[in-house]
Amino acid sequence: MKTITQYESSEFDLEDLRGIKGKRKVIVVFSTFGEREASLIHDKIRLLRSGLGDFIDRILVSHRRTGAGEDATERRAREAWDGTEILICNGSAVPDMGGEVGKGADMRRALYHINTDCVKGADPRDVVVVFLDADVVPKYFGSHFVLALGGAVLRGHDFARASFWREMGRIKKFVAQPLMSVIHHPDLARITDFHYPLSGEAAATLEFFNAVHFWQRYGVETGINVETCMGEYRVADVNLGLYDHEHHRDLDIQKMAFGIIRTYLTQLRDYGIIQFADNAFISDTFRVSFVDEKGERRHFEFDLTEIKYAPLKDIL
């Protein structure tokens, strides 16, 4: 990582950014699942269109259906703006991917679609992609999400990750930040400068997103963070202020934590920073044992295998 620059969202002004944007394209990608974000996606698209207008060139809803046909999320997104594009991840074909499910997998499908359909033939350095989570609590969401993250990239950064205050943030506080502090290596020294390393809100040039590996599930943010440190990238940490979204059950939090730890250790192994001896290896199986609220012993095993996909530039 060449540098990591810290910004406040208030440092970005729409008219100033219009002046430096030129002919570059800004594409906003919302990730949605089923109908749980139907009303939220409508309000967020309306807000961005009214606040930023044609500063945003395209809005893409990367959507995973839970049923067979069009659902409320798709309808509400188009009602908000008839120019909204819907990508159905369930049937979106990418040459080196099958039917895998996961956040990182669907982000990669969206990027492949952008490359091959949205900006085909464009210089990937001139395309800014802003990923946003659709389930952000409405009172915290604003056009500053796109303006600040996209603005940092327009100012010359390869990659920008959001930071913010969030009431819970259990994985960030109790897993990610301690984990990323515990192994010291010169190339990883800046990784602790990310104030919210697991943020789903991030922006980058299409060139950057095409150059890094994507992890299928919970490890996608961690994997990219490590690669930014190991590469010669200009990185920004952008403070969006206050933030919150749906809180997950404890078991789901544990699964996420497992994926983050496993991805971090795997990346460090792949870069030769750590190694294992005496037949030790990094497991894909999460084993959890506990006594439940009835005083009874419980044990579960979950196969949390994640594919580490090759950079998109290898297949484009």
Protein backbone atom coordinates (compact mmCIF):
# COMPACT_ATOMS: atom_id res chain seq x y z
CA MET A 1 0.00 0.00 0.00
CA LYS A 2 1.52 3.32 -1.03
CA THR A 3 -0.56 5.44 1.32
CA ILE A 4 -3.80 5.43 3.28
CA THR A 5 -5.38 8.85 3.44
CA GLN A 6 -8.15 9.69 5.90
CA TYR A 7 -11.05 11.87 4.82
CA GLU A 8 -14.22 13.24 6.39
CA SER A 9 -17.34 13.08 4.22
CA SER A 10 -17.79 16.83 4.69
CA GLU A 11 -14.63 17.41 2.61
CA PHE A 12 -16.42 16.48 -0.62
CA ASP A 13 -18.53 18.96 -2.56
CA LEU A 14 -20.74 17.99 -5.48
CA GLU A 15 -19.82 20.87 -7.76
CA ASP A 16 -16.10 20.44 -7.09
CA LEU A 17 -16.33 16.76 -7.97
CA ARG A 18 -18.31 17.48 -11.11
CA GLY A 19 -15.37 19.61 -12.16
CA ILE A 20 -12.82 16.82 -11.77
CA LYS A 21 -15.03 13.95 -12.93
CA GLY A 22 -14.84 14.83 -16.60
CA LYS A 23 -15.86 11.91 -18.80
CA ARG A 24 -15.30 9.32 -16.11
CA LYS A 25 -18.27 7.14 -15.15
CA VAL A 26 -19.67 6.62 -11.64
CA ILE A 27 -21.63 3.41 -11.14
CA VAL A 28 -23.45 2.67 -7.89
CA VAL A 29 -24.11 -0.98 -7.00
CA PHE A 30 -26.64 -1.99 -4.34
CA SER A 31 -26.58 -5.61 -3.16
CA THR A 32 -30.03 -7.00 -2.27
CA PHE A 33 -31.50 -10.35 -1.24
CA GLY A 34 -35.14 -11.35 -1.65
CA GLU A 35 -37.76 -8.81 -0.59
CA ARG A 36 -36.33 -7.77 2.76
CA GLU A 37 -34.92 -4.47 1.38
CA ALA A 38 -37.78 -3.61 -1.02
CA SER A 39 -38.84 -0.35 0.65
CA LEU A 40 -35.29 0.59 1.60
CA ILE A 41 -33.94 0.26 -1.94
CA HIS A 42 -36.73 2.43 -3.29
CA ASP A 43 -36.03 5.25 -0.84
CA LYS A 44 -32.27 5.10 -1.30
CA ILE A 45 -32.42 5.26 -5.09
CA ARG A 46 -34.86 8.17 -4.94
CA LEU A 47 -32.59 9.99 -2.50
CA LEU A 48 -29.48 9.52 -4.67
CA ARG A 49 -31.27 10.60 -7.82
CA SER A 50 -32.66 13.74 -6.18
CA GLY A 51 -29.41 14.62 -4.41
CA LEU A 52 -26.79 13.79 -7.03
CA GLY A 53 -28.66 13.62 -10.34
CA ASP A 54 -26.50 12.74 -13.32
CA PHE A 55 -23.32 12.73 -11.24
CA ILE A 56 -24.21 9.03 -10.99
CA ASP A 57 -24.14 7.51 -14.46
CA ARG A 58 -25.73 4.17 -13.60
CA ILE A 59 -27.43 2.48 -10.67
CA LEU A 60 -27.20 -1.30 -10.65
CA VAL A 61 -29.14 -3.46 -8.20
CA SER A 62 -27.26 -6.74 -7.81
CA HIS A 63 -30.16 -8.89 -6.69
CA ARG A 64 -30.51 -12.46 -5.49
CA ARG A 65 -34.07 -13.72 -5.79
CA THR A 66 -35.55 -16.12 -3.26
CA GLY A 67 -38.38 -17.11 -5.61
CA ALA A 68 -38.77 -17.85 -9.29
CA GLY A 69 -40.10 -14.54 -10.59
CA GLU A 70 -39.84 -10.80 -10.25
CA ASP A 71 -40.24 -9.66 -6.66
CA ALA A 72 -41.05 -6.49 -4.74
CA THR A 73 -37.42 -5.37 -4.50
CA GLU A 74 -37.08 -5.32 -8.28
CA ARG A 75 -40.37 -3.50 -8.76
CA ARG A 76 -39.66 -0.92 -6.09
CA ALA A 77 -36.17 -0.24 -7.44
CA ARG A 78 -37.59 0.50 -10.91
CA GLU A 79 -40.38 2.62 -9.42
CA ALA A 80 -37.74 4.78 -7.76
CA TRP A 81 -36.00 5.38 -11.09
CA ASP A 82 -36.91 3.73 -14.36
CA GLY A 83 -33.26 3.82 -15.37
CA THR A 84 -32.30 1.41 -12.58
CA GLU A 85 -30.69 -1.75 -13.92
CA ILE A 86 -31.40 -5.08 -12.22
CA LEU A 87 -28.87 -7.91 -12.36
CA ILE A 88 -30.34 -11.23 -11.23
CA CYS A 89 -27.38 -12.98 -9.63
CA ASN A 90 -29.16 -16.35 -9.52
CA GLY A 91 -28.73 -16.77 -13.27
CA SER A 92 -25.81 -14.46 -14.03
CA ALA A 93 -23.12 -16.45 -15.83
CA VAL A 94 -19.41 -15.79 -15.34
CA PRO A 95 -16.95 -18.07 -17.19
CA ASP A 96 -15.05 -19.36 -14.14
CA MET A 97 -18.01 -19.43 -11.73
CA GLY A 98 -20.79 -21.89 -11.08
CA GLY A 99 -23.88 -21.36 -8.98
CA GLU A 100 -22.03 -20.43 -5.78
CA VAL A 101 -23.87 -18.24 -3.30
CA GLY A 102 -22.25 -15.52 -1.23
CA LYS A 103 -21.74 -11.78 -0.94
CA GLY A 104 -18.32 -11.80 -2.56
CA ALA A 105 -19.50 -14.09 -5.36
CA ASP A 106 -22.35 -11.73 -6.23
CA MET A 107 -20.11 -8.68 -6.07
CA ARG A 108 -17.84 -10.39 -8.60
CA ARG A 109 -20.82 -11.18 -10.83
CA ALA A 110 -21.82 -7.51 -10.74
CA LEU A 111 -18.30 -6.44 -11.72
CA TYR A 112 -18.20 -8.93 -14.59
CA HIS A 113 -21.52 -7.51 -15.82
CA ILE A 114 -20.18 -3.96 -15.58
CA ASN A 115 -17.11 -4.92 -17.58
CA THR A 116 -18.91 -6.83 -20.31
CA ASP A 117 -22.24 -4.99 -20.62
CA CYS A 118 -22.25 -1.58 -18.92
CA VAL A 119 -18.90 -0.06 -19.95
CA LYS A 120 -17.62 -2.51 -22.54
CA GLY A 121 -14.55 -1.06 -24.23
CA ALA A 122 -14.05 1.73 -21.67
CA ASP A 123 -10.74 2.26 -19.91
CA PRO A 124 -11.23 0.61 -16.47
CA ARG A 125 -9.24 3.44 -14.91
CA ASP A 126 -12.04 5.81 -15.92
CA VAL A 127 -14.86 3.85 -14.26
CA VAL A 128 -15.59 4.35 -10.55
CA VAL A 129 -17.68 1.62 -8.90
CA VAL A 130 -19.32 2.33 -5.54
CA PHE A 131 -20.68 -0.67 -3.61
CA LEU A 132 -23.39 0.06 -1.05
CA ASP A 133 -25.33 -2.17 1.35
CA ALA A 134 -29.07 -1.75 0.84
CA ASP A 135 -30.09 -2.36 4.47
CA VAL A 136 -28.55 0.75 6.04
CA VAL A 137 -30.98 2.39 8.48
CA PRO A 138 -32.63 5.24 6.50
CA LYS A 139 -31.88 7.99 9.03
CA TYR A 140 -28.15 7.42 8.51
CA PHE A 141 -28.10 7.02 4.73
CA GLY A 142 -27.41 9.98 2.48
CA SER A 143 -25.93 11.06 -0.82
CA HIS A 144 -22.64 11.61 1.06
CA PHE A 145 -22.11 7.83 0.86
CA VAL A 146 -21.57 8.10 -2.90
CA LEU A 147 -20.13 11.59 -2.94
CA ALA A 148 -17.38 10.86 -0.41
CA LEU A 149 -16.44 7.32 -1.45
CA GLY A 150 -16.65 8.03 -5.17
CA GLY A 151 -15.03 11.41 -4.61
CA ALA A 152 -11.97 9.87 -2.97
CA VAL A 153 -11.45 7.70 -6.05
CA LEU A 154 -12.01 10.63 -8.41
CA ARG A 155 -9.30 12.47 -6.48
CA GLY A 156 -6.80 9.79 -7.44
CA HIS A 157 -7.17 6.92 -4.98
CA ASP A 158 -7.40 3.37 -6.29
CA PHE A 159 -9.62 2.17 -3.46
CA ALA A 160 -11.71 3.79 -0.72
CA ARG A 161 -13.34 2.02 2.23
CA ALA A 162 -15.94 3.64 4.48
CA SER A 163 -15.54 4.06 8.20
CA PHE A 164 -18.25 5.12 10.62
CA TRP A 165 -19.64 4.81 14.14
CA ARG A 166 -21.97 1.86 14.62
CA GLU A 167 -23.65 0.89 17.88
CA MET A 168 -22.92 -2.85 17.71
CA GLY A 169 -20.09 -3.68 15.34
CA ARG A 170 -19.21 -6.80 17.32
CA ILE A 171 -17.06 -8.49 14.68
CA LYS A 172 -15.11 -5.32 13.99
CA LYS A 173 -14.45 -4.67 17.68
CA PHE A 174 -13.83 -8.17 18.97
CA VAL A 175 -12.49 -10.06 15.93
CA ALA A 176 -11.20 -8.03 13.00
CA GLN A 177 -9.23 -5.28 14.73
CA PRO A 178 -7.56 -7.55 17.32
CA LEU A 179 -6.79 -10.11 14.59
CA MET A 180 -5.21 -7.54 12.30
CA SER A 181 -3.06 -6.25 15.16
CA VAL A 182 -1.71 -9.57 16.41
CA ILE A 183 0.72 -10.40 13.57
CA HIS A 184 3.24 -7.70 12.75
CA HIS A 185 4.77 -7.54 9.30
CA PRO A 186 6.13 -4.44 7.52
CA ASP A 187 3.78 -4.84 4.56
CA LEU A 188 0.76 -5.17 6.85
CA ALA A 189 1.59 -2.26 9.13
CA ARG A 190 -1.07 0.02 7.61
CA ILE A 191 -3.96 -2.46 7.77
CA THR A 192 -4.90 -1.23 11.26
CA ASP A 193 -5.42 2.27 9.79
CA PHE A 194 -8.77 1.13 8.43
CA HIS A 195 -11.21 2.49 11.00
CA TYR A 196 -13.92 0.00 9.95
CA PRO A 197 -12.11 -2.77 8.04
CA LEU A 198 -15.28 -4.82 7.39
CA SER A 199 -17.38 -2.06 5.87
CA GLY A 200 -19.48 -3.15 2.90
CA GLU A 201 -19.46 0.43 1.63
CA ALA A 202 -16.45 0.80 -0.64
CA ALA A 203 -15.43 2.33 -3.96
CA ALA A 204 -12.61 1.79 -6.41
CA THR A 205 -11.65 2.12 -10.00
CA LEU A 206 -12.83 -0.77 -12.10
CA GLU A 207 -9.15 -1.41 -12.77
CA PHE A 208 -8.56 -2.03 -9.05
CA PHE A 209 -11.58 -4.32 -8.63
CA ASN A 210 -10.47 -6.29 -11.71
CA ALA A 211 -7.00 -6.78 -10.23
CA VAL A 212 -7.80 -8.23 -6.79
CA HIS A 213 -9.07 -11.62 -5.70
CA PHE A 214 -12.65 -11.91 -4.49
CA TRP A 215 -13.67 -14.32 -1.76
CA GLN A 216 -17.03 -16.03 -2.03
CA ARG A 217 -18.60 -15.29 1.35
CA TYR A 218 -17.64 -13.57 4.57
CA GLY A 219 -13.99 -13.06 3.71
CA VAL A 220 -14.39 -10.64 0.81
CA GLU A 221 -13.57 -7.42 2.72
CA THR A 222 -10.68 -8.97 4.66
CA GLY A 223 -9.17 -10.46 1.52
CA ILE A 224 -9.23 -7.15 -0.31
CA ASN A 225 -7.77 -5.30 2.69
CA VAL A 226 -4.75 -7.59 2.74
CA GLU A 227 -4.22 -7.19 -1.00
CA THR A 228 -4.29 -3.41 -0.75
CA CYS A 229 -1.49 -3.63 1.81
CA MET A 230 0.60 -5.99 -0.28
CA GLY A 231 0.19 -3.97 -3.49
CA GLU A 232 1.24 -0.50 -4.57
CA TYR A 233 -2.18 1.08 -4.17
CA ARG A 234 -3.36 4.52 -3.08
CA VAL A 235 -6.03 3.89 -0.46
CA ALA A 236 -8.52 6.14 1.34
CA ASP A 237 -10.43 5.66 4.60
CA VAL A 238 -13.57 7.82 4.43
CA ASN A 239 -15.52 8.69 7.58
CA LEU A 240 -19.27 8.68 6.80
CA GLY A 241 -20.30 9.51 10.36
CA LEU A 242 -23.13 7.51 11.96
CA TYR A 243 -24.33 4.19 10.57
CA ASP A 244 -26.38 1.14 11.42
CA HIS A 245 -28.19 -1.77 9.80
CA GLU A 246 -29.80 -5.08 10.69
CA HIS A 247 -28.15 -6.88 13.61
CA HIS A 248 -27.43 -10.58 13.18
CA ARG A 249 -27.96 -13.53 15.50
CA ASP A 250 -25.00 -14.70 17.58
CA LEU A 251 -24.54 -17.90 15.54
CA ASP A 252 -24.47 -15.91 12.28
CA ILE A 253 -21.93 -13.55 13.84
CA GLN A 254 -19.78 -16.56 14.75
CA LYS A 255 -19.91 -17.83 11.17
CA MET A 256 -18.82 -14.43 9.89
CA ALA A 257 -16.01 -14.30 12.42
CA PHE A 258 -14.82 -17.75 11.35
CA GLY A 259 -14.78 -16.64 7.70
CA ILE A 260 -12.82 -13.49 8.49
CA ILE A 261 -10.19 -15.31 10.58
CA ARG A 262 -9.84 -18.09 8.00
CA THR A 263 -9.47 -15.60 5.13
CA TYR A 264 -6.89 -13.53 6.99
CA LEU A 265 -4.76 -16.54 7.85
CA THR A 266 -5.07 -17.93 4.32
CA GLN A 267 -4.00 -14.65 2.75
CA LEU A 268 -0.99 -14.42 5.06
CA ARG A 269 -0.08 -18.00 4.23
CA ASP A 270 -0.45 -17.37 0.49
CA TYR A 271 1.86 -14.35 0.72
CA GLY A 272 4.44 -16.41 2.65
CA ILE A 273 4.10 -14.37 5.85
CA ILE A 274 3.08 -17.37 7.98
CA GLN A 275 3.41 -21.12 7.53
CA PHE A 276 2.06 -24.24 9.21
CA ALA A 277 3.98 -27.31 10.38
CA ASP A 278 3.31 -30.87 11.57
CA ASN A 279 0.36 -31.43 9.20
CA ALA A 280 -1.54 -28.40 10.48
CA PHE A 281 -3.85 -26.71 7.97
CA ILE A 282 -6.55 -24.06 7.76
CA SER A 283 -9.93 -25.72 8.16
CA ASP A 284 -13.14 -24.92 6.28
CA THR A 285 -15.29 -26.48 9.01
CA PHE A 286 -16.63 -24.33 11.83
CA ARG A 287 -17.25 -26.43 14.95
CA VAL A 288 -19.24 -24.92 17.78
CA SER A 289 -20.09 -26.52 21.13
CA PHE A 290 -22.08 -24.85 23.89
CA VAL A 291 -24.63 -25.28 26.66
CA ASP A 292 -27.96 -23.77 25.63
CA GLU A 293 -30.52 -21.81 27.67
CA LYS A 294 -32.11 -25.10 28.80
CA GLY A 295 -28.83 -26.31 30.24
CA GLU A 296 -28.36 -28.90 27.47
CA ARG A 297 -25.16 -29.59 25.54
CA ARG A 298 -25.25 -28.68 21.84
CA HIS A 299 -22.77 -29.23 19.03
CA PHE A 300 -22.89 -28.14 15.39
CA GLU A 301 -20.54 -28.33 12.42
CA PHE A 302 -20.83 -26.01 9.44
CA ASP A 303 -18.98 -26.33 6.13
CA LEU A 304 -18.01 -22.71 5.43
CA THR A 305 -15.78 -23.38 2.43
CA GLU A 306 -15.08 -20.22 0.44
CA ILE A 307 -13.70 -20.04 -3.06
CA LYS A 308 -10.89 -17.57 -3.64
CA TYR A 309 -11.62 -16.39 -7.17
CA ALA A 310 -8.93 -15.33 -9.58
CA PRO A 311 -8.77 -11.63 -10.48
CA LEU A 312 -11.34 -10.75 -13.13
CA LYS A 313 -8.62 -9.39 -15.42
CA ASP A 314 -7.55 -13.02 -15.93
CA ILE A 315 -10.83 -13.91 -17.65
CA LEU A 316 -11.87 -10.66 -19.33
